[in-house]
Amino acid sequence: MAYGQYPRDDSYNSELRERMVNSALKWRLLLQIDSEEKKTGIMWGDVVRIYFWIHEDDLQALRFDRVICEMQCG
């Protein structure tokens, strides 16, 4: 949805859902950083993990300015 700018309301449309799934399969995990306070002294919030994702087309073109960062709390 982030890369293709698909509205959430349209996810019930089976044709659009298939396009969204196919698009999602083209995302690659570029970097994952975990909170490891004991090992590294790094702790974000409540055991947060930070993920950096890149679309395979952007990776191939070296378009790192289009990386998306996502934080998840454990």
PDB file of N, CA and C in Angstrom:
ATOM      1  N   MET A   1       0.832  -1.189   0.000  1.00  0.00           N
ATOM      2  CA  MET A   1       0.000   0.000   0.000  1.00  0.00           C
ATOM      3  C   MET A   1       0.873   1.249   0.000  1.00  0.00           C
ATOM      4  N   ALA A   2       2.018   1.192   0.722  1.00  0.00           N
ATOM      5  CA  ALA A   2       2.898   2.362   0.789  1.00  0.00           C
ATOM      6  C   ALA A   2       3.518   2.664  -0.563  1.00  0.00           C
ATOM      7  N   TYR A   3       3.955   1.646  -1.269  1.00  0.00           N
ATOM      8  CA  TYR A   3       4.636   1.853  -2.543  1.00  0.00           C
ATOM      9  C   TYR A   3       3.650   2.119  -3.674  1.00  0.00           C
ATOM     10  N   GLY A   4       2.551   1.386  -3.671  1.00  0.00           N
ATOM     11  CA  GLY A   4       1.577   1.536  -4.744  1.00  0.00           C
ATOM     12  C   GLY A   4       0.500   2.549  -4.458  1.00  0.00           C
ATOM     13  N   GLN A   5       0.483   3.098  -3.258  1.00  0.00           N
ATOM     14  CA  GLN A   5      -0.491   4.095  -2.836  1.00  0.00           C
ATOM     15  C   GLN A   5      -1.921   3.596  -3.011  1.00  0.00           C
ATOM     16  N   TYR A   6      -2.150   2.359  -2.589  1.00  0.00           N
ATOM     17  CA  TYR A   6      -3.495   1.792  -2.660  1.00  0.00           C
ATOM     18  C   TYR A   6      -4.292   2.209  -1.434  1.00  0.00           C
ATOM     19  N   PRO A   7      -5.512   2.669  -1.622  1.00  0.00           N
ATOM     20  CA  PRO A   7      -6.354   3.007  -0.472  1.00  0.00           C
ATOM     21  C   PRO A   7      -6.771   1.739   0.285  1.00  0.00           C
ATOM     22  N   ARG A   8      -6.849   1.828   1.598  1.00  0.00           N
ATOM     23  CA  ARG A   8      -7.231   0.665   2.418  1.00  0.00           C
ATOM     24  C   ARG A   8      -8.632   0.156   2.075  1.00  0.00           C
ATOM     25  N   ASP A   9      -9.532   1.054   1.777  1.00  0.00           N
ATOM     26  CA  ASP A   9     -10.910   0.655   1.501  1.00  0.00           C
ATOM     27  C   ASP A   9     -11.017  -0.247   0.275  1.00  0.00           C
ATOM     28  N   ASP A  10     -10.054  -0.146  -0.642  1.00  0.00           N
ATOM     29  CA  ASP A  10     -10.101  -0.938  -1.865  1.00  0.00           C
ATOM     30  C   ASP A  10      -9.517  -2.340  -1.685  1.00  0.00           C
ATOM     31  N   SER A  11      -9.037  -2.671  -0.490  1.00  0.00           N
ATOM     32  CA  SER A  11      -8.407  -3.974  -0.278  1.00  0.00           C
ATOM     33  C   SER A  11      -9.414  -5.130  -0.330  1.00  0.00           C
ATOM     34  N   TYR A  12     -10.706  -4.827  -0.333  1.00  0.00           N
ATOM     35  CA  TYR A  12     -11.723  -5.881  -0.443  1.00  0.00           C
ATOM     36  C   TYR A  12     -11.964  -6.284  -1.898  1.00  0.00           C
ATOM     37  N   ASN A  13     -11.459  -5.493  -2.816  1.00  0.00           N
ATOM     38  CA  ASN A  13     -11.554  -5.792  -4.241  1.00  0.00           C
ATOM     39  C   ASN A  13     -10.519  -6.873  -4.553  1.00  0.00           C
ATOM     40  N   SER A  14     -10.959  -8.066  -5.016  1.00  0.00           N
ATOM     41  CA  SER A  14     -10.048  -9.200  -5.194  1.00  0.00           C
ATOM     42  C   SER A  14      -8.950  -8.924  -6.214  1.00  0.00           C
ATOM     43  N   GLU A  15      -9.258  -8.221  -7.281  1.00  0.00           N
ATOM     44  CA  GLU A  15      -8.243  -7.897  -8.294  1.00  0.00           C
ATOM     45  C   GLU A  15      -7.183  -6.957  -7.717  1.00  0.00           C
ATOM     46  N   LEU A  16      -7.642  -5.949  -7.009  1.00  0.00           N
ATOM     47  CA  LEU A  16      -6.719  -5.004  -6.392  1.00  0.00           C
ATOM     48  C   LEU A  16      -5.906  -5.684  -5.294  1.00  0.00           C
ATOM     49  N   ARG A  17      -6.549  -6.556  -4.505  1.00  0.00           N
ATOM     50  CA  ARG A  17      -5.843  -7.278  -3.439  1.00  0.00           C
ATOM     51  C   ARG A  17      -4.716  -8.117  -4.027  1.00  0.00           C
ATOM     52  N   GLU A  18      -4.946  -8.764  -5.159  1.00  0.00           N
ATOM     53  CA  GLU A  18      -3.909  -9.565  -5.806  1.00  0.00           C
ATOM     54  C   GLU A  18      -2.734  -8.685  -6.245  1.00  0.00           C
ATOM     55  N   ARG A  19      -3.026  -7.512  -6.795  1.00  0.00           N
ATOM     56  CA  ARG A  19      -1.956  -6.590  -7.188  1.00  0.00           C
ATOM     57  C   ARG A  19      -1.171  -6.116  -5.977  1.00  0.00           C
ATOM     58  N   MET A  20      -1.872  -5.874  -4.853  1.00  0.00           N
ATOM     59  CA  MET A  20      -1.198  -5.428  -3.636  1.00  0.00           C
ATOM     60  C   MET A  20      -0.290  -6.521  -3.092  1.00  0.00           C
ATOM     61  N   VAL A  21      -0.746  -7.768  -3.094  1.00  0.00           N
ATOM     62  CA  VAL A  21       0.068  -8.882  -2.616  1.00  0.00           C
ATOM     63  C   VAL A  21       1.295  -9.061  -3.496  1.00  0.00           C
ATOM     64  N   ASN A  22       1.119  -9.005  -4.811  1.00  0.00           N
ATOM     65  CA  ASN A  22       2.255  -9.137  -5.719  1.00  0.00           C
ATOM     66  C   ASN A  22       3.259  -8.010  -5.517  1.00  0.00           C
ATOM     67  N   SER A  23       2.775  -6.822  -5.243  1.00  0.00           N
ATOM     68  CA  SER A  23       3.663  -5.691  -4.972  1.00  0.00           C
ATOM     69  C   SER A  23       4.395  -5.894  -3.636  1.00  0.00           C
ATOM     70  N   ALA A  24       3.693  -6.399  -2.633  1.00  0.00           N
ATOM     71  CA  ALA A  24       4.303  -6.613  -1.318  1.00  0.00           C
ATOM     72  C   ALA A  24       5.440  -7.631  -1.384  1.00  0.00           C
ATOM     73  N   LEU A  25       5.338  -8.593  -2.280  1.00  0.00           N
ATOM     74  CA  LEU A  25       6.374  -9.618  -2.398  1.00  0.00           C
ATOM     75  C   LEU A  25       7.682  -9.062  -2.954  1.00  0.00           C
ATOM     76  N   LYS A  26       7.658  -7.827  -3.437  1.00  0.00           N
ATOM     77  CA  LYS A  26       8.860  -7.218  -4.009  1.00  0.00           C
ATOM     78  C   LYS A  26       9.626  -6.351  -3.015  1.00  0.00           C
ATOM     79  N   TRP A  27       9.180  -6.337  -1.767  1.00  0.00           N
ATOM     80  CA  TRP A  27       9.889  -5.587  -0.728  1.00  0.00           C
ATOM     81  C   TRP A  27      10.950  -6.465  -0.096  1.00  0.00           C
ATOM     82  N   ARG A  28      12.101  -5.876   0.214  1.00  0.00           N
ATOM     83  CA  ARG A  28      13.222  -6.593   0.810  1.00  0.00           C
ATOM     84  C   ARG A  28      13.618  -5.921   2.123  1.00  0.00           C
ATOM     85  N   LEU A  29      13.919  -6.760   3.125  1.00  0.00           N
ATOM     86  CA  LEU A  29      14.423  -6.240   4.390  1.00  0.00           C
ATOM     87  C   LEU A  29      15.878  -5.850   4.179  1.00  0.00           C
ATOM     88  N   LEU A  30      16.168  -4.581   4.355  1.00  0.00           N
ATOM     89  CA  LEU A  30      17.506  -4.061   4.133  1.00  0.00           C
ATOM     90  C   LEU A  30      18.338  -4.127   5.417  1.00  0.00           C
ATOM     91  N   LEU A  31      17.714  -3.792   6.549  1.00  0.00           N
ATOM     92  CA  LEU A  31      18.415  -3.767   7.827  1.00  0.00           C
ATOM     93  C   LEU A  31      17.412  -3.904   8.954  1.00  0.00           C
ATOM     94  N   GLN A  32      17.781  -4.682   9.977  1.00  0.00           N
ATOM     95  CA  GLN A  32      16.959  -4.820  11.180  1.00  0.00           C
ATOM     96  C   GLN A  32      17.846  -4.527  12.365  1.00  0.00           C
ATOM     97  N   ILE A  33      17.392  -3.640  13.252  1.00  0.00           N
ATOM     98  CA  ILE A  33      18.137  -3.303  14.462  1.00  0.00           C
ATOM     99  C   ILE A  33      17.244  -3.623  15.653  1.00  0.00           C
ATOM    100  N   ASP A  34      17.735  -4.481  16.520  1.00  0.00           N
ATOM    101  CA  ASP A  34      16.993  -4.867  17.713  1.00  0.00           C
ATOM    102  C   ASP A  34      17.497  -4.103  18.933  1.00  0.00           C
ATOM    103  N   SER A  35      16.619  -3.892  19.899  1.00  0.00           N
ATOM    104  CA  SER A  35      17.026  -3.365  21.194  1.00  0.00           C
ATOM    105  C   SER A  35      17.740  -4.484  21.951  1.00  0.00           C
ATOM    106  N   GLU A  36      18.971  -4.279  22.291  1.00  0.00           N
ATOM    107  CA  GLU A  36      19.787  -5.256  23.030  1.00  0.00           C
ATOM    108  C   GLU A  36      20.549  -4.517  24.118  1.00  0.00           C
ATOM    109  N   GLU A  37      19.826  -4.053  25.116  1.00  0.00           N
ATOM    110  CA  GLU A  37      20.423  -3.194  26.135  1.00  0.00           C
ATOM    111  C   GLU A  37      21.615  -3.845  26.828  1.00  0.00           C
ATOM    112  N   LYS A  38      21.529  -5.130  27.147  1.00  0.00           N
ATOM    113  CA  LYS A  38      22.625  -5.802  27.852  1.00  0.00           C
ATOM    114  C   LYS A  38      23.870  -5.929  26.984  1.00  0.00           C
ATOM    115  N   LYS A  39      23.684  -6.188  25.683  1.00  0.00           N
ATOM    116  CA  LYS A  39      24.818  -6.400  24.787  1.00  0.00           C
ATOM    117  C   LYS A  39      25.377  -5.110  24.209  1.00  0.00           C
ATOM    118  N   THR A  40      24.504  -4.184  23.837  1.00  0.00           N
ATOM    119  CA  THR A  40      24.942  -2.991  23.111  1.00  0.00           C
ATOM    120  C   THR A  40      24.647  -1.679  23.828  1.00  0.00           C
ATOM    121  N   GLY A  41      23.813  -1.730  24.848  1.00  0.00           N
ATOM    122  CA  GLY A  41      23.406  -0.507  25.518  1.00  0.00           C
ATOM    123  C   GLY A  41      22.307   0.238  24.778  1.00  0.00           C
ATOM    124  N   ILE A  42      21.747  -0.388  23.742  1.00  0.00           N
ATOM    125  CA  ILE A  42      20.694   0.244  22.948  1.00  0.00           C
ATOM    126  C   ILE A  42      19.335  -0.280  23.386  1.00  0.00           C
ATOM    127  N   MET A  43      18.417   0.639  23.718  1.00  0.00           N
ATOM    128  CA  MET A  43      17.055   0.259  24.066  1.00  0.00           C
ATOM    129  C   MET A  43      16.128   1.379  23.625  1.00  0.00           C
ATOM    130  N   TRP A  44      15.273   1.062  22.670  1.00  0.00           N
ATOM    131  CA  TRP A  44      14.276   2.025  22.212  1.00  0.00           C
ATOM    132  C   TRP A  44      12.936   1.617  22.783  1.00  0.00           C
ATOM    133  N   GLY A  45      12.363   2.464  23.589  1.00  0.00           N
ATOM    134  CA  GLY A  45      11.033   2.186  24.124  1.00  0.00           C
ATOM    135  C   GLY A  45      10.969   0.850  24.832  1.00  0.00           C
ATOM    136  N   ASP A  46       9.933   0.081  24.537  1.00  0.00           N
ATOM    137  CA  ASP A  46       9.690  -1.213  25.173  1.00  0.00           C
ATOM    138  C   ASP A  46      10.129  -2.328  24.217  1.00  0.00           C
ATOM    139  N   VAL A  47      11.417  -2.588  24.159  1.00  0.00           N
ATOM    140  CA  VAL A  47      12.007  -3.628  23.309  1.00  0.00           C
ATOM    141  C   VAL A  47      11.590  -3.438  21.842  1.00  0.00           C
ATOM    142  N   VAL A  48      11.899  -2.296  21.322  1.00  0.00           N
ATOM    143  CA  VAL A  48      11.538  -1.953  19.949  1.00  0.00           C
ATOM    144  C   VAL A  48      12.516  -2.579  18.955  1.00  0.00           C
ATOM    145  N   ARG A  49      12.012  -2.966  17.816  1.00  0.00           N
ATOM    146  CA  ARG A  49      12.828  -3.381  16.681  1.00  0.00           C
ATOM    147  C   ARG A  49      12.602  -2.362  15.570  1.00  0.00           C
ATOM    148  N   ILE A  50      13.667  -2.015  14.883  1.00  0.00           N
ATOM    149  CA  ILE A  50      13.587  -1.074  13.778  1.00  0.00           C
ATOM    150  C   ILE A  50      13.908  -1.830  12.496  1.00  0.00           C
ATOM    151  N   TYR A  51      13.029  -1.707  11.516  1.00  0.00           N
ATOM    152  CA  TYR A  51      13.189  -2.387  10.234  1.00  0.00           C
ATOM    153  C   TYR A  51      13.320  -1.343   9.130  1.00  0.00           C
ATOM    154  N   PHE A  52      14.268  -1.546   8.242  1.00  0.00           N
ATOM    155  CA  PHE A  52      14.428  -0.705   7.062  1.00  0.00           C
ATOM    156  C   PHE A  52      14.114  -1.564   5.846  1.00  0.00           C
ATOM    157  N   TRP A  53      13.107  -1.143   5.084  1.00  0.00           N
ATOM    158  CA  TRP A  53      12.619  -1.894   3.925  1.00  0.00           C
ATOM    159  C   TRP A  53      12.899  -1.117   2.649  1.00  0.00           C
ATOM    160  N   ILE A  54      13.176  -1.850   1.559  1.00  0.00           N
ATOM    161  CA  ILE A  54      13.379  -1.222   0.267  1.00  0.00           C
ATOM    162  C   ILE A  54      12.693  -2.073  -0.798  1.00  0.00           C
ATOM    163  N   HIS A  55      12.092  -1.419  -1.756  1.00  0.00           N
ATOM    164  CA  HIS A  55      11.472  -2.131  -2.869  1.00  0.00           C
ATOM    165  C   HIS A  55      12.585  -2.625  -3.784  1.00  0.00           C
ATOM    166  N   GLU A  56      12.456  -3.829  -4.330  1.00  0.00           N
ATOM    167  CA  GLU A  56      13.542  -4.407  -5.127  1.00  0.00           C
ATOM    168  C   GLU A  56      13.913  -3.552  -6.334  1.00  0.00           C
ATOM    169  N   ASP A  57      12.951  -2.842  -6.908  1.00  0.00           N
ATOM    170  CA  ASP A  57      13.264  -1.942  -8.027  1.00  0.00           C
ATOM    171  C   ASP A  57      14.169  -0.797  -7.564  1.00  0.00           C
ATOM    172  N   ASP A  58      13.882  -0.268  -6.375  1.00  0.00           N
ATOM    173  CA  ASP A  58      14.707   0.810  -5.824  1.00  0.00           C
ATOM    174  C   ASP A  58      16.090   0.300  -5.432  1.00  0.00           C
ATOM    175  N   LEU A  59      16.170  -0.916  -4.919  1.00  0.00           N
ATOM    176  CA  LEU A  59      17.461  -1.501  -4.573  1.00  0.00           C
ATOM    177  C   LEU A  59      18.325  -1.670  -5.820  1.00  0.00           C
ATOM    178  N   GLN A  60      17.720  -2.173  -6.866  1.00  0.00           N
ATOM    179  CA  GLN A  60      18.452  -2.368  -8.118  1.00  0.00           C
ATOM    180  C   GLN A  60      18.955  -1.032  -8.671  1.00  0.00           C
ATOM    181  N   ALA A  61      18.168   0.028  -8.507  1.00  0.00           N
ATOM    182  CA  ALA A  61      18.541   1.354  -9.002  1.00  0.00           C
ATOM    183  C   ALA A  61      19.362   2.148  -7.978  1.00  0.00           C
ATOM    184  N   LEU A  62      19.664   1.516  -6.833  1.00  0.00           N
ATOM    185  CA  LEU A  62      20.412   2.171  -5.745  1.00  0.00           C
ATOM    186  C   LEU A  62      19.726   3.442  -5.258  1.00  0.00           C
ATOM    187  N   ARG A  63      18.394   3.404  -5.180  1.00  0.00           N
ATOM    188  CA  ARG A  63      17.581   4.539  -4.709  1.00  0.00           C
ATOM    189  C   ARG A  63      17.326   4.396  -3.216  1.00  0.00           C
ATOM    190  N   PHE A  64      18.378   4.564  -2.420  1.00  0.00           N
ATOM    191  CA  PHE A  64      18.255   4.397  -0.979  1.00  0.00           C
ATOM    192  C   PHE A  64      17.489   5.548  -0.327  1.00  0.00           C
ATOM    193  N   ASP A  65      17.232   6.604  -1.070  1.00  0.00           N
ATOM    194  CA  ASP A  65      16.423   7.698  -0.556  1.00  0.00           C
ATOM    195  C   ASP A  65      14.955   7.302  -0.441  1.00  0.00           C
ATOM    196  N   ARG A  66      14.604   6.133  -0.950  1.00  0.00           N
ATOM    197  CA  ARG A  66      13.215   5.677  -0.908  1.00  0.00           C
ATOM    198  C   ARG A  66      12.992   4.561   0.116  1.00  0.00           C
ATOM    199  N   VAL A  67      13.979   4.329   0.981  1.00  0.00           N
ATOM    200  CA  VAL A  67      13.867   3.315   2.037  1.00  0.00           C
ATOM    201  C   VAL A  67      12.783   3.741   3.024  1.00  0.00           C
ATOM    202  N   ILE A  68      12.039   2.758   3.505  1.00  0.00           N
ATOM    203  CA  ILE A  68      10.992   3.006   4.501  1.00  0.00           C
ATOM    204  C   ILE A  68      11.432   2.405   5.829  1.00  0.00           C
ATOM    205  N   CYS A  69      11.279   3.170   6.897  1.00  0.00           N
ATOM    206  CA  CYS A  69      11.641   2.718   8.235  1.00  0.00           C
ATOM    207  C   CYS A  69      10.359   2.411   9.012  1.00  0.00           C
ATOM    208  N   GLU A  70      10.376   1.272   9.699  1.00  0.00           N
ATOM    209  CA  GLU A  70       9.216   0.858  10.493  1.00  0.00           C
ATOM    210  C   GLU A  70       9.724   0.443  11.866  1.00  0.00           C
ATOM    211  N   MET A  71       9.055   0.912  12.908  1.00  0.00           N
ATOM    212  CA  MET A  71       9.398   0.516  14.281  1.00  0.00           C
ATOM    213  C   MET A  71       8.270  -0.330  14.833  1.00  0.00           C
ATOM    214  N   GLN A  72       8.648  -1.456  15.473  1.00  0.00           N
ATOM    215  CA  GLN A  72       7.647  -2.319  16.104  1.00  0.00           C
ATOM    216  C   GLN A  72       8.022  -2.558  17.549  1.00  0.00           C
ATOM    217  N   CYS A  73       7.042  -2.468  18.397  1.00  0.00           N
ATOM    218  CA  CYS A  73       7.253  -2.647  19.830  1.00  0.00           C
ATOM    219  C   CYS A  73       6.883  -4.073  20.215  1.00  0.00           C
ATOM    220  N   GLY A  74       7.748  -4.715  20.988  1.00  0.00           N
ATOM    221  CA  GLY A  74       7.514  -6.102  21.397  1.00  0.00           C
ATOM    222  C   GLY A  74       6.746  -6.188  22.617  1.00  0.00           C
TER     223      GLY A  74
END
